[in-house]
Amino acid sequence: MDRDAYVEKMKAKIDEWNAEIAKQEAKARAAQADMTLKYQEQLEEMKAQRDAFEAKLREARDSNEKAWGDIQDGFEKAWRDMAAAFDSAMKR
């Protein structure tokens, strides 16, 4: 997959994460006071993961073709790690 197509695919995933964050924020507002802190902690973790991935995505988008080939494997690993952490946070 070329860099531009890959970047578009990852931007779509970030949009999904943003939708899930918004959904969780709505749940947090509706939760009882004792659950609000739990939701807030999860939301902060999810946002931090999203922000870190967006930074990696910017790095990939701004790389030249040669550099893209060099960083693609590392980017894939970062993607898998962030996706797993994000999914784990959503399940809690």
C-alpha atoms as a PDB file:
ATOM      1  CA  MET A   1       0.000   0.000   0.000  1.00  0.00           C
ATOM      2  CA  ASP A   2       1.434   3.389  -0.899  1.00  0.00           C
ATOM      3  CA  ARG A   3       1.935   6.121   1.673  1.00  0.00           C
ATOM      4  CA  ASP A   4      -1.016   8.318   0.657  1.00  0.00           C
ATOM      5  CA  ALA A   5      -3.505   5.451   0.705  1.00  0.00           C
ATOM      6  CA  TYR A   6      -2.120   4.305   4.028  1.00  0.00           C
ATOM      7  CA  VAL A   7      -2.398   7.786   5.534  1.00  0.00           C
ATOM      8  CA  GLU A   8      -6.030   8.017   4.379  1.00  0.00           C
ATOM      9  CA  LYS A   9      -6.781   4.623   5.920  1.00  0.00           C
ATOM     10  CA  MET A  10      -5.266   5.690   9.235  1.00  0.00           C
ATOM     11  CA  LYS A  11      -7.124   9.030   9.185  1.00  0.00           C
ATOM     12  CA  ALA A  12     -10.372   7.055   8.829  1.00  0.00           C
ATOM     13  CA  LYS A  13      -9.430   5.018  11.898  1.00  0.00           C
ATOM     14  CA  ILE A  14      -8.751   8.202  13.866  1.00  0.00           C
ATOM     15  CA  ASP A  15     -12.226   9.404  12.849  1.00  0.00           C
ATOM     16  CA  GLU A  16     -13.641   6.151  14.271  1.00  0.00           C
ATOM     17  CA  TRP A  17     -11.717   6.742  17.488  1.00  0.00           C
ATOM     18  CA  ASN A  18     -13.012  10.300  17.691  1.00  0.00           C
ATOM     19  CA  ALA A  19     -16.568   8.973  17.337  1.00  0.00           C
ATOM     20  CA  GLU A  20     -15.952   6.434  20.106  1.00  0.00           C
ATOM     21  CA  ILE A  21     -14.462   9.136  22.350  1.00  0.00           C
ATOM     22  CA  ALA A  22     -17.551  11.293  21.779  1.00  0.00           C
ATOM     23  CA  LYS A  23     -19.762   8.318  22.627  1.00  0.00           C
ATOM     24  CA  GLN A  24     -17.800   7.662  25.817  1.00  0.00           C
ATOM     25  CA  GLU A  25     -17.961  11.349  26.744  1.00  0.00           C
ATOM     26  CA  ALA A  26     -21.754  11.198  26.454  1.00  0.00           C
ATOM     27  CA  LYS A  27     -21.781   8.142  28.721  1.00  0.00           C
ATOM     28  CA  ALA A  28     -19.549   9.935  31.206  1.00  0.00           C
ATOM     29  CA  ARG A  29     -21.940  12.853  31.389  1.00  0.00           C
ATOM     30  CA  ALA A  30     -24.812  10.466  32.061  1.00  0.00           C
ATOM     31  CA  ALA A  31     -22.947   8.340  34.621  1.00  0.00           C
ATOM     32  CA  GLN A  32     -23.398   8.617  38.327  1.00  0.00           C
ATOM     33  CA  ALA A  33     -20.826  10.685  40.167  1.00  0.00           C
ATOM     34  CA  ASP A  34     -18.744   7.682  41.256  1.00  0.00           C
ATOM     35  CA  MET A  35     -18.469   6.458  37.667  1.00  0.00           C
ATOM     36  CA  THR A  36     -17.585   9.861  36.238  1.00  0.00           C
ATOM     37  CA  LEU A  37     -13.976   9.657  37.426  1.00  0.00           C
ATOM     38  CA  LYS A  38     -13.567   6.222  35.822  1.00  0.00           C
ATOM     39  CA  TYR A  39     -14.922   7.485  32.499  1.00  0.00           C
ATOM     40  CA  GLN A  40     -12.713  10.572  32.668  1.00  0.00           C
ATOM     41  CA  GLU A  41      -9.601   8.464  33.215  1.00  0.00           C
ATOM     42  CA  GLN A  42     -10.493   6.228  30.270  1.00  0.00           C
ATOM     43  CA  LEU A  43     -11.192   9.218  28.067  1.00  0.00           C
ATOM     44  CA  GLU A  44      -7.861  10.814  28.915  1.00  0.00           C
ATOM     45  CA  GLU A  45      -6.069   7.563  28.087  1.00  0.00           C
ATOM     46  CA  MET A  46      -7.943   7.245  24.784  1.00  0.00           C
ATOM     47  CA  LYS A  47      -7.205  10.849  23.838  1.00  0.00           C
ATOM     48  CA  ALA A  48      -3.513  10.452  24.665  1.00  0.00           C
ATOM     49  CA  GLN A  49      -3.328   7.353  22.471  1.00  0.00           C
ATOM     50  CA  ARG A  50      -5.137   9.113  19.645  1.00  0.00           C
ATOM     51  CA  ASP A  51      -2.847  12.149  19.913  1.00  0.00           C
ATOM     52  CA  ALA A  52       0.276   9.991  19.873  1.00  0.00           C
ATOM     53  CA  PHE A  53      -0.954   8.151  16.808  1.00  0.00           C
ATOM     54  CA  GLU A  54      -1.840  11.394  15.043  1.00  0.00           C
ATOM     55  CA  ALA A  55       1.738  12.558  15.621  1.00  0.00           C
ATOM     56  CA  LYS A  56       3.042   9.345  14.037  1.00  0.00           C
ATOM     57  CA  LEU A  57       0.610   9.808  11.164  1.00  0.00           C
ATOM     58  CA  ARG A  58       1.890  13.348  10.556  1.00  0.00           C
ATOM     59  CA  GLU A  59       5.427  11.981  10.521  1.00  0.00           C
ATOM     60  CA  ALA A  60       4.438   9.372   7.923  1.00  0.00           C
ATOM     61  CA  ARG A  61       2.533  11.889   5.827  1.00  0.00           C
ATOM     62  CA  ASP A  62       5.452  14.328   5.829  1.00  0.00           C
ATOM     63  CA  SER A  63       8.080  11.724   4.984  1.00  0.00           C
ATOM     64  CA  ASN A  64       9.505  11.406   1.515  1.00  0.00           C
ATOM     65  CA  GLU A  65       9.074   8.128  -0.382  1.00  0.00           C
ATOM     66  CA  LYS A  66      12.485   6.759   0.623  1.00  0.00           C
ATOM     67  CA  ALA A  67      11.965   7.616   4.278  1.00  0.00           C
ATOM     68  CA  TRP A  68       8.451   6.141   4.119  1.00  0.00           C
ATOM     69  CA  GLY A  69       9.884   2.772   3.165  1.00  0.00           C
ATOM     70  CA  ASP A  70      12.273   2.971   6.093  1.00  0.00           C
ATOM     71  CA  ILE A  71       9.663   3.921   8.701  1.00  0.00           C
ATOM     72  CA  GLN A  72       6.702   1.843   7.499  1.00  0.00           C
ATOM     73  CA  ASP A  73       7.528  -1.236   9.613  1.00  0.00           C
ATOM     74  CA  GLY A  74       7.933   0.844  12.755  1.00  0.00           C
ATOM     75  CA  PHE A  75       4.736   2.689  11.951  1.00  0.00           C
ATOM     76  CA  GLU A  76       2.856  -0.620  11.575  1.00  0.00           C
ATOM     77  CA  LYS A  77       4.045  -1.739  15.012  1.00  0.00           C
ATOM     78  CA  ALA A  78       3.067   1.590  16.559  1.00  0.00           C
ATOM     79  CA  TRP A  79      -0.341   1.283  14.886  1.00  0.00           C
ATOM     80  CA  ARG A  80      -0.931  -2.229  16.283  1.00  0.00           C
ATOM     81  CA  ASP A  81       0.184  -1.177  19.783  1.00  0.00           C
ATOM     82  CA  MET A  82      -2.023   1.913  19.801  1.00  0.00           C
ATOM     83  CA  ALA A  83      -5.034   0.102  18.375  1.00  0.00           C
ATOM     84  CA  ALA A  84      -4.741  -2.616  21.020  1.00  0.00           C
ATOM     85  CA  ALA A  85      -4.408  -0.069  23.826  1.00  0.00           C
ATOM     86  CA  PHE A  86      -7.325   1.954  22.500  1.00  0.00           C
ATOM     87  CA  ASP A  87      -9.526  -1.133  22.216  1.00  0.00           C
ATOM     88  CA  SER A  88      -8.564  -2.168  25.738  1.00  0.00           C
ATOM     89  CA  ALA A  89      -9.517   1.259  27.089  1.00  0.00           C
ATOM     90  CA  MET A  90     -12.873   1.128  25.281  1.00  0.00           C
ATOM     91  CA  LYS A  91     -13.668  -2.275  26.788  1.00  0.00           C
ATOM     92  CA  ARG A  92     -13.083  -1.071  30.340  1.00  0.00           C
END
